[in-house]
Amino acid sequence: MTTVDLPPSLKANPRLGNWLRILPAGVVEVRSGKVELGQGVLTALAQIAAEELDIDVTRVRMLAAETGTSPNEGYTAGSMSVQYSGAALRLVSAEVRSIYLDVAARLWRLPAAGLTVADGTITAPDGRCTSYWELAADELLDRPASGAVAPKSPADYRIVGTSVPRVDLPDKLAPRPRFVHDVTLDRMLYGRVVRPPSRGATLRGIGTEPVLALPGIVAVVRDGDFFGVVAEREEAALRAAERLRANAKWHEQPTLPDEHKLPMFLTSAPAETSVAAESGTPPRAAVGSHQAAYHRPYLAHGAMGPSSATALVTEEEGRRLHVWTHSQGPYILRRELARAFDLAEDQVCVQHVEGAGCYGHNGADDAAMDAAMLAMAVPGRPVQVVWSRADELGWAPFGPAAVARIQAEVGGHGEVLSWQHEIWGNGHATRPGFVAGLGFLAASHREGGQEIQAAPELSPERGGAATRNAVPGYAFPHYRVVNNHLTVMPLRTSALRALGAFVNVFAIESFMDELAESAGRDPIEYRLAQLTDPRGRSVIEHVVARSDWADWSRADSVGHGIGYARYKNSAAYCAVVAEVEATTTVRVRRLTIAVDAGLVVNPDGAANQIEGGAIQATSWALKERVRFDSSTVTSTDWESYPILRFSEVPAVEVDLLPHNGNPPLGVGEAAQGPTVAAIANALYDAIGVRVRTLPLTEENIVDAMPG
């Protein structure tokens, strides 16, 4: 009997029954440790299970992740859900199918190899029938996965590879309650937290008596510089929070750098410098040298729905904490909440409920901690916390500001002989559990709480963070990547979609255009001449043909440009051609995108992911920038932190290349870097000004003009 190595998620969670349960009602319940963030992952996983079980996908019920019952798959991050959870479910479902066939075979005293399955009905060659539903028994799956049952060949797929409708959309379109903000429990209370007015502010005093006298107020909770209110009704909590805010006395001092000199701060702040990657030997035959530096500001998640959580503390059989949250890591959140309140992990239950899409570390975990702290003051009654827009834009973790400087030595035809890429910025991983102490905003404000420390750099095996995609995907004879990891963190930074790949690909692909121009070579030809990966070449060649690059007609203030990368140098390949019009403002008219993601489970879902990522990257490229003064963030509404409007969304065309037998690759973050690079290159093509500082606003364009 041949066995296969179990994928990491299945090796860590080997019991079959933790992943899948067959019910007599004709339904298969599937649990994954990965959570739905709006990316359609639950639909893709349902397809994988249905495919291997030979059932209609409508029979699959995808259950939300919950600690203690779902597999522990860590965080839903890094565009790895289909690669890892999907691989686990594929083997689990194949083995479950085999187990039920063996049961039927023993029942009929026939060889299992002669039985067939169609939508859960098991049929013998002589016509006898039974089904998963008739044979359903939980004890059948109370065993570890063996890895002895091979899943289907892709050539036999009927469900995987088709655009099955999203399983989460009917509730959202109906609309029916589905989001974390919709959680409604018996005797529920409503909480609001009052944030400090600035970074580093300390509470000198607050009068709580007038607030406690307001109608409907149940409790005012204070712990050090953390304080909030619990009320019978949401509007009462809002009024009380405003009264508390007005009554509070704070000591404030400036702690933030000059926003207008942010690149200078980043390149001069205390940092740990290390060589992240190096390959080859610098050649001696260089005839020229070029260098340029690129900068991105702090970026906010900007989710349409602010963070929220509901918590319930019970004490009937010892203290227990139950939290409903849109966290991306239920098990890790459980562990850190247990630490925060000196509980055993089995005294804490974390249940995932969908929130607004975030693609990174937003305020979800912080809101869970807020709700838990307030719920501790009112045992027996659930407390719901919803952040304000100002809290969301001002206090959730940001994507780090960064500087990337590239230098290249080139040969006689402008080809790269040696490439040096240097990065300055904060880390991308201050999630709870990734930093010393407790990584919650509220915990840092508690009495004796520890300030959240600067984020560590993720290892290359985990895709890196600041260094993600800093290693060029081209066949340069020599490259060297240096990371200057800031040890001070003026604004809390953490994971935001694509992490460092966004600025690194922006820098690399902008610089490739600059090198091509210096050499008098076409930017497409220049890239292909130094790209040996056939799949990378294919996405570039496809997008060039699809966008009619060769037939481009020049026009005033209109340009086109290209960007390319393989996300994390290990996930999906993506090439983007942008068409840009630059008059009083920059407008992206069209994005043409080619992607090789290997085997695509749900083509419509994958295309949606790429399209959404490209639109978000367009917003980052053109508009988004966290603003701050010497003490606090000032961009706390949609006027001061503008995002792309529906009327400004470009036409987006996505082509998914054939998989050619290659396994699935993550697509959720593949478009970010190539899109912004293509837009920047198209802007240069349109107006002849190379803008190396994001966003591509009038202010930054003027600053980039020579003289």
Foldseek 3Di string as FASTA:
>chain_A
DDFDDAFPLCVQVFQLLLAWFAALVLAIEGEAQFADQPLLLQVLLLLLLCQLLQAPSVRYDYFFDKPPRHRAPFFNADLCCCVGRVSNSNQSSNVVNVLVLVVVCVVVVHDSVQWDDHNQWIAHPVGDIDGCSRVGDSVSRRDGRDRPGDGDDPVPTDQFQAFDDRPPVVCVVVPHDFFQVSDDDPQAKAKEKAADPFPPKFWPDWDCVVLCPDPFWDDWDDFGQIIMTIGSDHVSRVVSNVNRNVRIDIDFDFQDDAQVCVVVCQVPFAFDKDWQDKAFDQDDQFDDKDKDKFKAFWFAQPFPFFFKKKWAWACPPHTAIEIEWQGRRQQLLLVLVCVVVVHDSVSYMYTYTHDGRGNWFFCGSQNRSVQRSVNVVPHPHMYMYGDDLLCRQFPIAIQKIKMKMKMFGAHPLLAGQEIEIEMTIFWAALQAPQFPAGSHPSQCNGVVRNDRWTGDWDHLVSLTALCRCLPDQWQHNIYIYMYTHHRDDSGHHHDGFLGNLQLNQLVVLLVLVVSCVVSVHDSLVNRVVGHDPVVLNVFSVVQCVVVVVVVDDDDAQKFKFKTWDAGSNPFKTKMKIWIWGQDQFIATAEIEMEIEFARGRRVVSLVVLLLVLLQQLVFFQGFAHFDDDRTTTDQSDCVSGPGDDPVRGHHYHYDYDYNVSPDGGRRNRRNNRGNSNGSQRGSCRNPVFRQSYDRPGPVSSVVRDDD
